[in-house]
N, C-alpha and C. Protein backbone atom coordinates (compact mmCIF):
# COMPACT_ATOMS: atom_id res chain seq x y z
N MET A 1 -14.10 27.03 -10.13
CA MET A 1 -14.25 26.21 -8.93
C MET A 1 -14.16 27.10 -7.69
N ILE A 2 -15.01 26.87 -6.73
CA ILE A 2 -15.02 27.66 -5.50
C ILE A 2 -13.90 27.17 -4.58
N GLU A 3 -13.12 28.12 -4.07
CA GLU A 3 -12.04 27.78 -3.17
C GLU A 3 -12.60 27.41 -1.80
N MET A 4 -12.10 26.33 -1.25
CA MET A 4 -12.57 25.86 0.05
C MET A 4 -11.95 26.72 1.15
N THR A 5 -12.76 27.20 2.08
CA THR A 5 -12.24 28.01 3.18
C THR A 5 -11.41 27.12 4.10
N LYS A 6 -10.61 27.75 4.92
CA LYS A 6 -9.75 27.02 5.86
C LYS A 6 -10.60 26.18 6.82
N ALA A 7 -11.70 26.75 7.30
CA ALA A 7 -12.57 26.01 8.23
C ALA A 7 -13.19 24.79 7.54
N LYS A 8 -13.65 24.97 6.31
CA LYS A 8 -14.23 23.85 5.56
C LYS A 8 -13.19 22.76 5.34
N LYS A 9 -11.99 23.18 4.99
CA LYS A 9 -10.92 22.23 4.74
C LYS A 9 -10.58 21.45 6.01
N THR A 10 -10.51 22.15 7.13
CA THR A 10 -10.18 21.51 8.39
C THR A 10 -11.25 20.48 8.76
N LEU A 11 -12.52 20.87 8.68
CA LEU A 11 -13.58 19.91 9.01
C LEU A 11 -13.53 18.71 8.08
N SER A 12 -13.30 18.95 6.82
CA SER A 12 -13.21 17.85 5.84
C SER A 12 -12.05 16.91 6.19
N GLU A 13 -10.93 17.47 6.62
CA GLU A 13 -9.78 16.65 6.99
C GLU A 13 -10.08 15.75 8.18
N TYR A 14 -10.98 16.20 9.05
CA TYR A 14 -11.40 15.40 10.20
C TYR A 14 -12.54 14.43 9.84
N GLY A 15 -12.94 14.44 8.57
CA GLY A 15 -14.01 13.55 8.14
C GLY A 15 -15.39 14.05 8.47
N ILE A 16 -15.53 15.36 8.63
CA ILE A 16 -16.81 15.98 8.99
C ILE A 16 -17.32 16.78 7.80
N ARG A 17 -18.57 16.53 7.43
CA ARG A 17 -19.19 17.30 6.34
C ARG A 17 -19.41 18.73 6.85
N PRO A 18 -18.85 19.73 6.18
CA PRO A 18 -18.91 21.11 6.67
C PRO A 18 -20.24 21.81 6.37
N THR A 19 -21.24 21.58 7.23
CA THR A 19 -22.52 22.28 7.08
C THR A 19 -22.39 23.69 7.63
N GLU A 20 -23.36 24.52 7.35
CA GLU A 20 -23.32 25.92 7.80
C GLU A 20 -23.20 26.00 9.33
N MET A 21 -24.01 25.23 10.05
CA MET A 21 -23.99 25.30 11.51
C MET A 21 -22.67 24.76 12.07
N ARG A 22 -22.16 23.69 11.51
CA ARG A 22 -20.88 23.14 11.97
C ARG A 22 -19.76 24.15 11.77
N LEU A 23 -19.77 24.83 10.64
CA LEU A 23 -18.76 25.85 10.37
C LEU A 23 -18.86 27.00 11.36
N LYS A 24 -20.07 27.43 11.63
CA LYS A 24 -20.27 28.54 12.58
C LYS A 24 -19.78 28.17 13.98
N ILE A 25 -20.12 26.96 14.44
CA ILE A 25 -19.72 26.52 15.77
C ILE A 25 -18.20 26.31 15.82
N TYR A 26 -17.64 25.75 14.77
CA TYR A 26 -16.19 25.57 14.70
C TYR A 26 -15.47 26.91 14.84
N LYS A 27 -15.91 27.90 14.06
CA LYS A 27 -15.28 29.23 14.10
C LYS A 27 -15.45 29.88 15.47
N TYR A 28 -16.64 29.72 16.06
CA TYR A 28 -16.90 30.28 17.39
C TYR A 28 -15.94 29.68 18.42
N LEU A 29 -15.83 28.35 18.43
CA LEU A 29 -14.97 27.68 19.41
C LEU A 29 -13.49 28.02 19.19
N LYS A 30 -13.10 28.15 17.95
CA LYS A 30 -11.70 28.47 17.64
C LYS A 30 -11.33 29.87 18.13
N ARG A 31 -12.27 30.79 18.09
CA ARG A 31 -12.01 32.18 18.54
C ARG A 31 -11.91 32.29 20.06
N LYS A 32 -12.56 31.39 20.78
CA LYS A 32 -12.60 31.49 22.25
C LYS A 32 -11.26 31.13 22.87
N ARG A 33 -10.86 31.91 23.85
CA ARG A 33 -9.61 31.67 24.57
C ARG A 33 -9.87 30.92 25.88
N TYR A 34 -11.13 30.55 26.11
CA TYR A 34 -11.50 29.85 27.34
C TYR A 34 -12.58 28.83 27.01
N ALA A 35 -12.81 27.91 27.93
CA ALA A 35 -13.81 26.86 27.73
C ALA A 35 -15.22 27.44 27.87
N VAL A 36 -16.13 26.93 27.04
CA VAL A 36 -17.51 27.40 27.06
C VAL A 36 -18.47 26.21 27.17
N SER A 37 -19.63 26.46 27.76
CA SER A 37 -20.65 25.42 27.89
C SER A 37 -21.56 25.43 26.67
N LEU A 38 -22.37 24.40 26.54
CA LEU A 38 -23.37 24.37 25.46
C LEU A 38 -24.31 25.55 25.58
N PHE A 39 -24.66 25.91 26.81
CA PHE A 39 -25.54 27.06 27.04
C PHE A 39 -24.90 28.34 26.50
N ASP A 40 -23.60 28.51 26.77
CA ASP A 40 -22.87 29.69 26.28
C ASP A 40 -22.89 29.76 24.76
N ILE A 41 -22.68 28.61 24.11
CA ILE A 41 -22.67 28.57 22.65
C ILE A 41 -24.04 28.96 22.10
N LYS A 42 -25.07 28.31 22.63
CA LYS A 42 -26.43 28.60 22.13
C LYS A 42 -26.80 30.05 22.38
N LYS A 43 -26.50 30.55 23.56
CA LYS A 43 -26.83 31.94 23.91
C LYS A 43 -26.15 32.91 22.94
N SER A 44 -24.88 32.65 22.63
CA SER A 44 -24.14 33.53 21.72
C SER A 44 -24.78 33.55 20.34
N PHE A 45 -25.18 32.40 19.84
CA PHE A 45 -25.77 32.34 18.51
C PHE A 45 -27.15 32.99 18.47
N LEU A 46 -27.92 32.84 19.53
CA LEU A 46 -29.25 33.44 19.55
C LEU A 46 -29.18 34.95 19.71
N GLU A 47 -28.17 35.44 20.45
CA GLU A 47 -28.01 36.88 20.60
C GLU A 47 -27.63 37.53 19.27
N LYS A 48 -26.83 36.84 18.49
CA LYS A 48 -26.36 37.38 17.21
C LYS A 48 -27.46 37.38 16.15
N SER A 49 -28.41 36.48 16.27
CA SER A 49 -29.42 36.35 15.23
C SER A 49 -30.80 36.14 15.83
N GLU A 50 -31.49 37.20 16.09
CA GLU A 50 -32.85 37.12 16.64
C GLU A 50 -33.82 36.50 15.63
N THR A 51 -33.52 36.62 14.35
CA THR A 51 -34.43 36.08 13.33
C THR A 51 -34.20 34.60 13.05
N ASN A 52 -33.00 34.09 13.34
CA ASN A 52 -32.69 32.70 13.06
C ASN A 52 -32.63 31.90 14.35
N LYS A 53 -33.76 31.37 14.77
CA LYS A 53 -33.80 30.57 15.99
C LYS A 53 -34.13 29.12 15.68
N THR A 54 -33.72 28.66 14.50
CA THR A 54 -34.02 27.29 14.09
C THR A 54 -33.15 26.26 14.81
N ALA A 55 -31.95 26.64 15.21
CA ALA A 55 -31.08 25.72 15.91
C ALA A 55 -31.52 25.61 17.37
N ASN A 56 -31.59 24.39 17.86
CA ASN A 56 -31.98 24.19 19.26
C ASN A 56 -30.83 23.55 20.03
N LYS A 57 -31.06 23.26 21.28
CA LYS A 57 -30.02 22.71 22.15
C LYS A 57 -29.48 21.39 21.59
N THR A 58 -30.35 20.59 20.99
CA THR A 58 -29.93 19.32 20.41
C THR A 58 -28.94 19.53 19.27
N THR A 59 -29.18 20.53 18.44
CA THR A 59 -28.27 20.83 17.34
C THR A 59 -26.87 21.14 17.86
N PHE A 60 -26.79 22.01 18.86
CA PHE A 60 -25.50 22.38 19.43
C PHE A 60 -24.83 21.16 20.08
N PHE A 61 -25.61 20.37 20.80
CA PHE A 61 -25.07 19.17 21.46
C PHE A 61 -24.49 18.22 20.43
N ARG A 62 -25.22 17.95 19.36
CA ARG A 62 -24.75 17.00 18.34
C ARG A 62 -23.47 17.48 17.67
N VAL A 63 -23.41 18.77 17.34
CA VAL A 63 -22.21 19.31 16.68
C VAL A 63 -21.01 19.25 17.62
N VAL A 64 -21.18 19.70 18.86
CA VAL A 64 -20.07 19.69 19.82
C VAL A 64 -19.65 18.26 20.12
N ASN A 65 -20.60 17.35 20.24
CA ASN A 65 -20.28 15.95 20.50
C ASN A 65 -19.48 15.35 19.33
N LEU A 66 -19.85 15.69 18.12
CA LEU A 66 -19.11 15.24 16.93
C LEU A 66 -17.69 15.78 16.96
N PHE A 67 -17.54 17.06 17.28
CA PHE A 67 -16.21 17.68 17.38
C PHE A 67 -15.39 17.00 18.48
N LEU A 68 -16.04 16.64 19.57
CA LEU A 68 -15.37 15.95 20.68
C LEU A 68 -14.87 14.58 20.22
N GLU A 69 -15.72 13.83 19.53
CA GLU A 69 -15.34 12.51 19.03
C GLU A 69 -14.17 12.57 18.06
N LYS A 70 -14.13 13.62 17.25
CA LYS A 70 -13.09 13.75 16.23
C LYS A 70 -11.81 14.42 16.75
N GLY A 71 -11.84 14.93 17.98
CA GLY A 71 -10.65 15.55 18.57
C GLY A 71 -10.47 17.02 18.27
N ILE A 72 -11.51 17.66 17.75
CA ILE A 72 -11.43 19.09 17.46
C ILE A 72 -11.56 19.90 18.75
N VAL A 73 -12.38 19.43 19.67
CA VAL A 73 -12.53 20.07 20.98
C VAL A 73 -12.27 19.03 22.06
N HIS A 74 -12.06 19.49 23.27
CA HIS A 74 -11.94 18.59 24.40
C HIS A 74 -12.81 19.10 25.54
N GLN A 75 -13.19 18.19 26.42
CA GLN A 75 -14.05 18.51 27.55
C GLN A 75 -13.24 19.05 28.71
N ILE A 76 -13.82 19.98 29.43
CA ILE A 76 -13.17 20.57 30.60
C ILE A 76 -14.10 20.40 31.81
N ASP A 77 -13.53 19.92 32.91
CA ASP A 77 -14.27 19.86 34.16
C ASP A 77 -13.65 20.91 35.08
N ASP A 78 -14.33 22.03 35.21
CA ASP A 78 -13.78 23.12 36.02
C ASP A 78 -14.32 23.13 37.45
N GLY A 79 -15.03 22.07 37.82
CA GLY A 79 -15.53 21.96 39.18
C GLY A 79 -16.89 22.60 39.41
N THR A 80 -17.48 23.21 38.40
CA THR A 80 -18.78 23.86 38.55
C THR A 80 -19.94 22.89 38.35
N GLY A 81 -19.64 21.70 37.82
CA GLY A 81 -20.69 20.74 37.53
C GLY A 81 -21.29 20.94 36.13
N ILE A 82 -20.81 21.92 35.41
CA ILE A 82 -21.28 22.19 34.04
C ILE A 82 -20.14 21.83 33.10
N THR A 83 -20.42 20.92 32.18
CA THR A 83 -19.41 20.51 31.21
C THR A 83 -19.11 21.66 30.26
N LYS A 84 -17.83 21.89 30.06
CA LYS A 84 -17.40 22.95 29.15
C LYS A 84 -16.48 22.36 28.09
N PHE A 85 -16.38 23.06 26.99
CA PHE A 85 -15.59 22.58 25.87
C PHE A 85 -14.62 23.66 25.42
N ALA A 86 -13.45 23.22 24.97
CA ALA A 86 -12.44 24.15 24.47
C ALA A 86 -11.84 23.58 23.19
N PHE A 87 -11.42 24.47 22.33
CA PHE A 87 -10.81 24.11 21.07
C PHE A 87 -9.48 23.42 21.35
N SER A 88 -9.24 22.29 20.71
CA SER A 88 -7.98 21.56 20.89
C SER A 88 -6.93 22.12 19.95
N LYS A 89 -5.86 22.59 20.51
CA LYS A 89 -4.73 23.06 19.70
C LYS A 89 -3.93 21.83 19.30
N GLY A 90 -3.60 21.68 18.08
CA GLY A 90 -2.86 20.50 17.64
C GLY A 90 -3.75 19.55 16.88
N ARG A 91 -3.16 18.68 16.14
CA ARG A 91 -3.90 17.80 15.22
C ARG A 91 -4.78 16.80 15.94
N ALA A 92 -4.30 16.23 17.04
CA ALA A 92 -5.11 15.25 17.75
C ALA A 92 -4.78 15.32 19.23
N LEU A 93 -5.76 15.15 20.05
CA LEU A 93 -5.55 15.20 21.49
C LEU A 93 -5.28 13.81 22.05
N LEU A 94 -5.84 12.81 21.42
CA LEU A 94 -5.67 11.44 21.90
C LEU A 94 -5.20 10.58 20.74
N LYS A 95 -4.07 9.93 20.93
CA LYS A 95 -3.55 9.03 19.89
C LYS A 95 -3.22 7.70 20.53
N LYS A 96 -3.41 6.64 19.77
CA LYS A 96 -3.09 5.31 20.24
C LYS A 96 -1.87 4.82 19.49
N ALA A 97 -0.85 4.39 20.21
CA ALA A 97 0.37 3.91 19.57
C ALA A 97 0.09 2.57 18.90
N LYS A 98 0.77 2.32 17.78
CA LYS A 98 0.51 1.12 17.00
C LYS A 98 1.33 -0.09 17.45
N ILE A 99 2.45 0.12 18.13
CA ILE A 99 3.27 -1.03 18.48
C ILE A 99 3.05 -1.51 19.91
N CYS A 100 2.14 -0.88 20.64
CA CYS A 100 1.79 -1.36 21.96
C CYS A 100 0.33 -1.01 22.23
N THR A 101 -0.16 -1.40 23.38
CA THR A 101 -1.56 -1.11 23.70
C THR A 101 -1.69 0.09 24.62
N CYS A 102 -0.61 0.85 24.77
CA CYS A 102 -0.62 2.04 25.62
C CYS A 102 -1.46 3.14 24.98
N ILE A 103 -2.15 3.90 25.79
CA ILE A 103 -2.84 5.09 25.31
C ILE A 103 -2.31 6.26 26.12
N PHE A 104 -1.88 7.29 25.41
CA PHE A 104 -1.33 8.48 26.05
C PHE A 104 -2.19 9.68 25.72
N ILE A 105 -2.41 10.54 26.67
CA ILE A 105 -3.06 11.82 26.43
C ILE A 105 -1.94 12.81 26.14
N VAL A 106 -1.99 13.40 24.96
CA VAL A 106 -0.96 14.34 24.56
C VAL A 106 -1.61 15.58 23.99
N SER A 107 -0.90 16.68 24.04
CA SER A 107 -1.42 17.91 23.45
C SER A 107 -0.38 18.50 22.52
N ASN A 108 -0.87 19.34 21.61
CA ASN A 108 -0.01 20.00 20.63
C ASN A 108 0.78 19.02 19.78
N VAL A 109 0.13 17.94 19.38
CA VAL A 109 0.78 16.94 18.54
C VAL A 109 0.52 17.28 17.09
N THR A 110 1.58 17.34 16.31
CA THR A 110 1.40 17.63 14.89
C THR A 110 1.76 16.44 14.02
N GLY A 111 2.39 15.45 14.56
CA GLY A 111 2.76 14.30 13.76
C GLY A 111 2.62 13.02 14.55
N PRO A 112 2.90 11.88 13.94
CA PRO A 112 2.77 10.61 14.65
C PRO A 112 3.88 10.43 15.68
N PHE A 113 3.63 9.60 16.67
CA PHE A 113 4.66 9.29 17.64
C PHE A 113 4.66 7.78 17.84
N VAL A 114 5.72 7.27 18.44
CA VAL A 114 5.87 5.84 18.63
C VAL A 114 6.04 5.55 20.11
N CYS A 115 5.34 4.55 20.58
CA CYS A 115 5.44 4.11 21.97
C CYS A 115 6.38 2.92 22.01
N LYS A 116 7.44 2.98 22.80
CA LYS A 116 8.35 1.86 22.92
C LYS A 116 8.14 1.21 24.27
N THR A 117 7.89 -0.07 24.26
CA THR A 117 7.74 -0.80 25.50
C THR A 117 8.94 -1.70 25.69
N GLU A 118 9.30 -1.92 26.92
CA GLU A 118 10.46 -2.75 27.19
C GLU A 118 10.09 -3.88 28.08
């Protein structure tokens, strides 16, 4: 049996089928220490592979949007007018408490939390 890589396992845990492009984009975003735009991502991939230009802007947009929906990345507004994305550290960036209707933005969350209302 083939051992699942850490990246494949992580994507699977988020409910994402780990395709080759999704794995490549996941690894790229995880390595970055700063937020990057879709243009930056596409440019990096095209520079690395002059022979493989099958992925287009739509491919990158769909993958990043999926990662955004699942909480793997988050959006950054740095005031330039260009949306940028950064890898989310922690299991989930947005969690909804079960005992109230409050929604909290939290970072570096590794386990569940409880919202107490009074």
